[in-house]
C-alpha atoms as a PDB file:
ATOM      1  CA  MET A   1    -214.553  22.037-127.752  1.00  0.00           C
ATOM      2  CA  SER A   2    -213.597  25.422-129.148  1.00  0.00           C
ATOM      3  CA  GLN A   3    -212.707  26.115-132.786  1.00  0.00           C
ATOM      4  CA  ALA A   4    -209.071  26.732-131.815  1.00  0.00           C
ATOM      5  CA  GLU A   5    -208.822  23.327-130.140  1.00  0.00           C
ATOM      6  CA  LYS A   6    -210.390  21.618-133.148  1.00  0.00           C
ATOM      7  CA  PHE A   7    -207.805  22.928-135.576  1.00  0.00           C
ATOM      8  CA  ALA A   8    -204.717  23.022-133.357  1.00  0.00           C
ATOM      9  CA  PRO A   9    -201.727  21.536-135.175  1.00  0.00           C
ATOM     10  CA  ILE A  10    -200.829  18.024-134.138  1.00  0.00           C
ATOM     11  CA  ALA A  11    -197.319  17.699-132.743  1.00  0.00           C
ATOM     12  CA  LEU A  12    -195.009  15.695-134.992  1.00  0.00           C
ATOM     13  CA  THR A  13    -193.958  12.424-133.438  1.00  0.00           C
ATOM     14  CA  TYR A  14    -191.103  10.229-134.594  1.00  0.00           C
ATOM     15  CA  ALA A  15    -190.440   6.571-134.023  1.00  0.00           C
ATOM     16  CA  ALA A  16    -188.037   5.846-131.178  1.00  0.00           C
ATOM     17  CA  GLN A  17    -184.406   6.035-132.258  1.00  0.00           C
ATOM     18  CA  GLN A  18    -181.299   4.552-130.670  1.00  0.00           C
ATOM     19  CA  ALA A  19    -178.374   6.918-131.283  1.00  0.00           C
ATOM     20  CA  TYR A  20    -174.788   5.816-131.846  1.00  0.00           C
ATOM     21  CA  LEU A  21    -171.654   7.549-133.102  1.00  0.00           C
ATOM     22  CA  ALA A  22    -169.534   5.970-135.841  1.00  0.00           C
ATOM     23  CA  ILE A  23    -166.074   7.480-136.413  1.00  0.00           C
ATOM     24  CA  GLU A  24    -165.433   7.044-140.135  1.00  0.00           C
ATOM     25  CA  GLN A  25    -161.913   8.484-140.393  1.00  0.00           C
ATOM     26  CA  GLN A  26    -158.867   7.917-138.257  1.00  0.00           C
ATOM     27  CA  PRO A  27    -158.422  10.783-135.761  1.00  0.00           C
ATOM     28  CA  ARG A  28    -155.506  13.066-136.708  1.00  0.00           C
ATOM     29  CA  ASN A  29    -154.094  13.414-133.219  1.00  0.00           C
ATOM     30  CA  LYS A  30    -154.663  12.647-129.561  1.00  0.00           C
ATOM     31  CA  ALA A  31    -156.777  15.788-128.988  1.00  0.00           C
ATOM     32  CA  GLU A  32    -159.176  14.903-131.824  1.00  0.00           C
ATOM     33  CA  LYS A  33    -159.386  11.323-130.557  1.00  0.00           C
ATOM     34  CA  GLN A  34    -160.344  12.595-127.076  1.00  0.00           C
ATOM     35  CA  LEU A  35    -163.010  14.921-128.540  1.00  0.00           C
ATOM     36  CA  LEU A  36    -164.540  12.078-130.513  1.00  0.00           C
ATOM     37  CA  GLU A  37    -164.467   9.805-127.469  1.00  0.00           C
ATOM     38  CA  GLN A  38    -166.264  12.513-125.453  1.00  0.00           C
ATOM     39  CA  ALA A  39    -168.846  12.856-128.217  1.00  0.00           C
ATOM     40  CA  ARG A  40    -169.328   9.076-128.269  1.00  0.00           C
ATOM     41  CA  ARG A  41    -169.842   8.970-124.488  1.00  0.00           C
ATOM     42  CA  TYR A  42    -172.351  11.831-124.719  1.00  0.00           C
ATOM     43  CA  VAL A  43    -174.302  10.072-127.473  1.00  0.00           C
ATOM     44  CA  GLN A  44    -174.269   6.786-125.538  1.00  0.00           C
ATOM     45  CA  ALA A  45    -175.589   8.578-122.450  1.00  0.00           C
ATOM     46  CA  HIS A  46    -178.426  10.077-124.553  1.00  0.00           C
ATOM     47  CA  SER A  47    -179.002   7.183-126.927  1.00  0.00           C
ATOM     48  CA  HIS A  48    -182.798   6.957-126.661  1.00  0.00           C
ATOM     49  CA  GLN A  49    -184.192   9.833-128.710  1.00  0.00           C
ATOM     50  CA  ASN A  50    -187.370  10.708-130.559  1.00  0.00           C
ATOM     51  CA  ASP A  51    -185.349  12.827-133.021  1.00  0.00           C
ATOM     52  CA  LEU A  52    -181.568  12.421-133.245  1.00  0.00           C
ATOM     53  CA  ARG A  53    -181.217  15.963-134.547  1.00  0.00           C
ATOM     54  CA  ASP A  54    -181.957  17.167-131.006  1.00  0.00           C
ATOM     55  CA  LEU A  55    -178.394  16.107-130.111  1.00  0.00           C
ATOM     56  CA  ALA A  56    -176.814  18.411-132.730  1.00  0.00           C
ATOM     57  CA  GLY A  57    -176.556  21.468-130.473  1.00  0.00           C
ATOM     58  CA  ALA A  58    -174.730  19.605-127.725  1.00  0.00           C
ATOM     59  CA  ILE A  59    -172.405  17.913-130.245  1.00  0.00           C
ATOM     60  CA  ARG A  60    -171.668  21.306-131.858  1.00  0.00           C
ATOM     61  CA  GLU A  61    -170.834  22.803-128.461  1.00  0.00           C
ATOM     62  CA  LEU A  62    -168.660  19.833-127.498  1.00  0.00           C
ATOM     63  CA  MET A  63    -166.672  19.700-130.748  1.00  0.00           C
ATOM     64  CA  GLY A  64    -166.033  23.444-131.025  1.00  0.00           C
ATOM     65  CA  ASP A  65    -165.346  25.729-133.982  1.00  0.00           C
ATOM     66  CA  ALA A  66    -162.782  23.459-135.653  1.00  0.00           C
ATOM     67  CA  TYR A  67    -165.592  21.164-136.819  1.00  0.00           C
ATOM     68  CA  GLN A  68    -168.710  21.578-138.928  1.00  0.00           C
ATOM     69  CA  ILE A  69    -171.784  19.911-137.479  1.00  0.00           C
ATOM     70  CA  GLY A  70    -174.863  19.457-139.611  1.00  0.00           C
ATOM     71  CA  CYS A  71    -178.055  17.444-139.751  1.00  0.00           C
ATOM     72  CA  GLY A  72    -179.710  15.320-142.356  1.00  0.00           C
ATOM     73  CA  SER A  73    -183.241  14.054-142.107  1.00  0.00           C
ATOM     74  CA  CYS A  74    -182.391  11.666-139.259  1.00  0.00           C
ATOM     75  CA  HIS A  75    -178.657  11.882-138.613  1.00  0.00           C
ATOM     76  CA  ILE A  76    -175.925  14.290-137.555  1.00  0.00           C
ATOM     77  CA  TRP A  77    -172.630  14.563-139.433  1.00  0.00           C
ATOM     78  CA  ILE A  78    -169.296  15.850-138.166  1.00  0.00           C
ATOM     79  CA  LYS A  79    -166.675  17.237-140.589  1.00  0.00           C
ATOM     80  CA  ARG A  80    -163.389  19.008-140.121  1.00  0.00           C
ATOM     81  CA  THR A  81    -163.545  22.641-141.264  1.00  0.00           C
ATOM     82  CA  PRO A  82    -162.204  23.213-144.797  1.00  0.00           C
ATOM     83  CA  ALA A  83    -159.082  24.923-143.413  1.00  0.00           C
ATOM     84  CA  ASP A  84    -158.271  21.787-141.385  1.00  0.00           C
ATOM     85  CA  ALA A  85    -159.281  19.346-144.119  1.00  0.00           C
ATOM     86  CA  GLY A  86    -156.772  20.515-146.734  1.00  0.00           C
ATOM     87  CA  GLN A  87    -157.403  21.246-150.414  1.00  0.00           C
ATOM     88  CA  HIS A  88    -160.132  18.691-150.927  1.00  0.00           C
ATOM     89  CA  SER A  89    -163.651  19.205-149.684  1.00  0.00           C
ATOM     90  CA  PRO A  90    -163.856  17.811-146.177  1.00  0.00           C
ATOM     91  CA  GLU A  91    -165.089  14.262-145.899  1.00  0.00           C
ATOM     92  CA  ARG A  92    -167.350  13.229-143.082  1.00  0.00           C
ATOM     93  CA  LEU A  93    -165.304  12.482-139.967  1.00  0.00           C
ATOM     94  CA  ALA A  94    -168.114  10.905-137.950  1.00  0.00           C
ATOM     95  CA  VAL A  95    -171.853  10.392-138.012  1.00  0.00           C
ATOM     96  CA  VAL A  96    -174.519  10.075-135.323  1.00  0.00           C
ATOM     97  CA  ALA A  97    -177.261   7.807-136.611  1.00  0.00           C
ATOM     98  CA  ASP A  98    -180.027   5.449-135.525  1.00  0.00           C
ATOM     99  CA  ARG A  99    -178.772   1.954-134.671  1.00  0.00           C
ATOM    100  CA  LEU A 100    -182.188   0.489-135.505  1.00  0.00           C
ATOM    101  CA  THR A 101    -182.112   1.601-139.153  1.00  0.00           C
ATOM    102  CA  THR A 102    -178.431   2.096-140.127  1.00  0.00           C
ATOM    103  CA  ALA A 103    -175.111   0.264-139.920  1.00  0.00           C
ATOM    104  CA  TYR A 104    -172.252   2.771-140.153  1.00  0.00           C
ATOM    105  CA  ARG A 105    -168.873   1.390-139.098  1.00  0.00           C
ATOM    106  CA  ASP A 106    -165.840   2.859-137.362  1.00  0.00           C
ATOM    107  CA  TRP A 107    -162.759   3.396-139.539  1.00  0.00           C
ATOM    108  CA  PHE A 108    -160.871   0.480-137.938  1.00  0.00           C
ATOM    109  CA  GLU A 109    -163.652  -2.112-138.305  1.00  0.00           C
ATOM    110  CA  PRO A 110    -163.417  -4.589-141.192  1.00  0.00           C
ATOM    111  CA  ARG A 111    -165.637  -3.976-144.189  1.00  0.00           C
ATOM    112  CA  VAL A 112    -168.635  -6.194-144.735  1.00  0.00           C
ATOM    113  CA  PRO A 113    -168.131  -8.387-147.818  1.00  0.00           C
ATOM    114  CA  SER A 114    -170.154  -7.175-150.764  1.00  0.00           C
ATOM    115  CA  GLY A 115    -171.622  -8.985-153.705  1.00  0.00           C
ATOM    116  CA  PRO A 116    -173.725 -12.114-153.897  1.00  0.00           C
ATOM    117  CA  ARG A 117    -173.366 -14.576-151.050  1.00  0.00           C
ATOM    118  CA  ARG A 118    -174.546 -18.126-150.938  1.00  0.00           C
ATOM    119  CA  SER A 119    -177.208 -19.106-148.496  1.00  0.00           C
ATOM    120  CA  ILE A 120    -176.253 -21.226-145.508  1.00  0.00           C
ATOM    121  CA  ARG A 121    -179.110 -23.507-146.542  1.00  0.00           C
ATOM    122  CA  THR A 122    -178.070 -24.126-150.133  1.00  0.00           C
ATOM    123  CA  GLU A 123    -181.220 -26.032-150.974  1.00  0.00           C
ATOM    124  CA  GLN A 124    -183.209 -22.837-150.386  1.00  0.00           C
ATOM    125  CA  GLY A 125    -180.711 -20.349-151.813  1.00  0.00           C
ATOM    126  CA  LEU A 126    -180.928 -18.570-155.128  1.00  0.00           C
ATOM    127  CA  PRO A 127    -178.372 -19.500-157.781  1.00  0.00           C
ATOM    128  CA  VAL A 128    -175.243 -17.359-158.056  1.00  0.00           C
ATOM    129  CA  ALA A 129    -173.661 -16.823-161.490  1.00  0.00           C
ATOM    130  CA  GLY A 130    -170.655 -19.088-162.043  1.00  0.00           C
ATOM    131  CA  VAL A 131    -171.455 -21.358-159.072  1.00  0.00           C
ATOM    132  CA  PRO A 132    -172.792 -24.840-159.851  1.00  0.00           C
ATOM    133  CA  ILE A 133    -176.160 -25.669-158.321  1.00  0.00           C
ATOM    134  CA  THR A 134    -175.943 -28.516-155.824  1.00  0.00           C
ATOM    135  CA  THR A 135    -178.342 -29.946-153.313  1.00  0.00           C
ATOM    136  CA  SER A 136    -177.593 -31.210-149.863  1.00  0.00           C
ATOM    137  CA  THR A 137    -180.246 -33.912-150.054  1.00  0.00           C
ATOM    138  CA  THR A 138    -179.139 -37.384-151.087  1.00  0.00           C
ATOM    139  CA  THR A 139    -180.844 -39.130-153.985  1.00  0.00           C
ATOM    140  CA  ARG A 140    -181.920 -42.749-153.723  1.00  0.00           C
END
């Protein structure tokens, strides 16, 4: 083995990722809705990825100049350009993320309830403030 082979950099490998697109804001018009649907179909067709950021170039090309496309450490975000977003800084329109590690929702999906929830098996659940502790076992 040569010296060059001994010290060759090891290629970075990432855990398998399953891409999905979540549309976080209601589309403004029919054309934007069609673009987002095309992006969703593209992501679904290329869902198995080693690095989701590899999809950013294709998403950027598909969405065009009216949208900003950027990458985080393991996701892709889509925003309207500031001119299209109005006075306020543009909020994220959609996100491409890993289904195995995230749970972004579409704008029309109901929100997941937040706060403490009681266990289905109350005898094994932790107490919740303001809720009396009861057991499901009968006493004899």
